[in-house]
């Protein structure tokens, strides 16, 4: 009989969720969640160039999050180089590299 009660309870929860009734406001998300996503826009980051898992993909490993380096600057392909990179971050942009936050490089220089 306990399994039947659980099934009925689960069906009731699904029905309420599907009804579109508004949920009561919950607490604000923790700060860590807010910082887990990059904000799109022009940024400057410092890190070390590393190869991505896909051929031709290069990442900038930073103390925070990795950035996928996109552009024609040869410095961004110098594996092991420590760089200061300026560019436009575009989180959520699909890439064939499937790693890091896409960063369209406007300037890259050794630190």
Protein backbone atom coordinates (compact mmCIF):
# COMPACT_ATOMS: atom_id res chain seq x y z
CA UNK A 1 0.00 0.00 0.00
CA UNK A 2 2.97 2.36 0.66
CA UNK A 3 4.04 2.15 -3.01
CA UNK A 4 0.58 3.19 -4.16
CA UNK A 5 0.60 6.21 -1.84
CA UNK A 6 3.98 7.25 -3.20
CA UNK A 7 2.71 6.90 -6.77
CA UNK A 8 -0.39 9.01 -5.99
CA UNK A 9 1.74 11.65 -4.28
CA UNK A 10 4.13 11.78 -7.25
CA UNK A 11 1.22 12.14 -9.69
CA UNK A 12 -0.20 15.00 -7.60
CA UNK A 13 3.15 16.81 -7.62
CA UNK A 14 3.41 16.44 -11.41
CA UNK A 15 -0.17 17.70 -11.84
CA UNK A 16 0.47 20.80 -9.72
CA UNK A 17 3.75 21.52 -11.55
CA UNK A 18 2.06 21.13 -14.94
CA UNK A 19 -0.85 23.39 -13.97
CA UNK A 20 1.40 26.43 -14.23
CA UNK A 21 0.44 27.73 -10.82
CA UNK A 22 2.98 30.30 -9.66
CA UNK A 23 5.58 29.17 -7.21
CA UNK A 24 6.12 31.20 -4.05
CA UNK A 25 9.30 33.28 -4.24
CA UNK A 26 12.26 31.49 -2.78
CA UNK A 27 15.46 32.83 -1.28
CA UNK A 28 17.93 34.59 -3.56
CA UNK A 29 20.48 32.24 -5.12
CA UNK A 30 23.81 32.02 -3.34
CA UNK A 31 26.63 34.26 -4.52
CA UNK A 32 28.53 31.24 -5.87
CA UNK A 33 25.74 30.54 -8.37
CA UNK A 34 25.73 34.15 -9.57
CA UNK A 35 29.47 33.97 -10.25
CA UNK A 36 29.41 30.62 -12.00
CA UNK A 37 28.33 32.25 -15.28
CA UNK A 38 30.40 34.76 -17.19
CA UNK A 39 28.83 38.04 -18.13
CA UNK A 40 29.03 38.78 -21.86
CA UNK A 41 31.02 41.81 -22.85
CA UNK A 42 34.51 43.23 -23.18
CA UNK A 43 36.87 41.74 -20.59
CA UNK A 44 40.56 41.53 -19.76
CA UNK A 45 41.94 38.28 -18.31
CA UNK A 46 45.36 36.88 -17.45
CA UNK A 47 46.21 33.22 -17.80
CA UNK A 48 48.24 30.48 -19.44
CA UNK A 49 47.57 29.13 -22.94
CA UNK A 50 46.74 25.41 -23.11
CA UNK A 51 45.60 23.05 -25.86
CA UNK A 52 41.95 22.10 -25.90
CA UNK A 53 40.78 18.52 -26.33
CA UNK A 54 39.77 19.20 -29.94
CA UNK A 55 42.44 19.87 -32.58
CA UNK A 56 43.01 23.58 -33.21
CA UNK A 57 41.36 24.68 -29.95
CA UNK A 58 43.28 26.79 -27.44
CA UNK A 59 42.23 27.75 -23.94
CA UNK A 60 43.35 30.45 -21.57
CA UNK A 61 43.53 28.85 -18.13
CA UNK A 62 42.86 31.50 -15.50
CA UNK A 63 42.51 31.36 -11.73
CA UNK A 64 38.74 31.36 -12.23
CA UNK A 65 37.37 29.82 -15.40
CA UNK A 66 38.84 28.70 -18.71
CA UNK A 67 38.28 30.80 -21.84
CA UNK A 68 38.27 29.47 -25.39
CA UNK A 69 40.57 31.76 -27.38
CA UNK A 70 39.10 32.71 -30.76
CA UNK A 71 40.98 34.90 -33.23
CA UNK A 72 43.93 35.22 -35.59
CA UNK A 73 46.55 36.46 -33.11
CA UNK A 74 49.46 33.93 -33.19
CA UNK A 75 50.20 34.58 -29.49
CA UNK A 76 46.98 32.76 -28.53
CA UNK A 77 48.42 29.52 -29.96
CA UNK A 78 51.68 29.63 -27.98
CA UNK A 79 51.03 26.77 -25.54
CA UNK A 80 52.47 27.54 -22.11
CA UNK A 81 52.65 31.30 -22.71
CA UNK A 82 51.35 33.52 -19.91
CA UNK A 83 49.20 36.22 -21.54
CA UNK A 84 47.01 39.18 -20.77
CA UNK A 85 44.09 38.94 -23.18
CA UNK A 86 41.40 41.45 -24.04
CA UNK A 87 38.30 40.51 -25.94
CA UNK A 88 34.57 39.94 -26.03
CA UNK A 89 33.28 37.08 -23.87
CA UNK A 90 30.24 35.35 -25.33
CA UNK A 91 29.07 32.66 -22.90
CA UNK A 92 26.59 30.23 -24.34
CA UNK A 93 27.89 30.60 -27.90
CA UNK A 94 28.16 27.11 -29.43
CA UNK A 95 31.62 26.12 -30.71
CA UNK A 96 33.21 23.00 -32.14
CA UNK A 97 35.70 23.06 -29.26
CA UNK A 98 33.00 22.64 -26.58
CA UNK A 99 35.34 23.90 -23.84
CA UNK A 100 35.62 27.16 -21.99
CA UNK A 101 33.78 30.42 -22.43
CA UNK A 102 34.24 31.70 -26.00
CA UNK A 103 36.48 34.79 -25.93
CA UNK A 104 36.82 36.69 -29.21
CA UNK A 105 40.33 38.11 -28.79
CA UNK A 106 40.98 41.75 -29.71
CA UNK A 107 44.46 41.93 -28.12
CA UNK A 108 46.88 39.41 -26.59
CA UNK A 109 50.26 40.23 -25.03
CA UNK A 110 52.78 38.39 -22.87
CA UNK A 111 52.54 39.22 -19.17
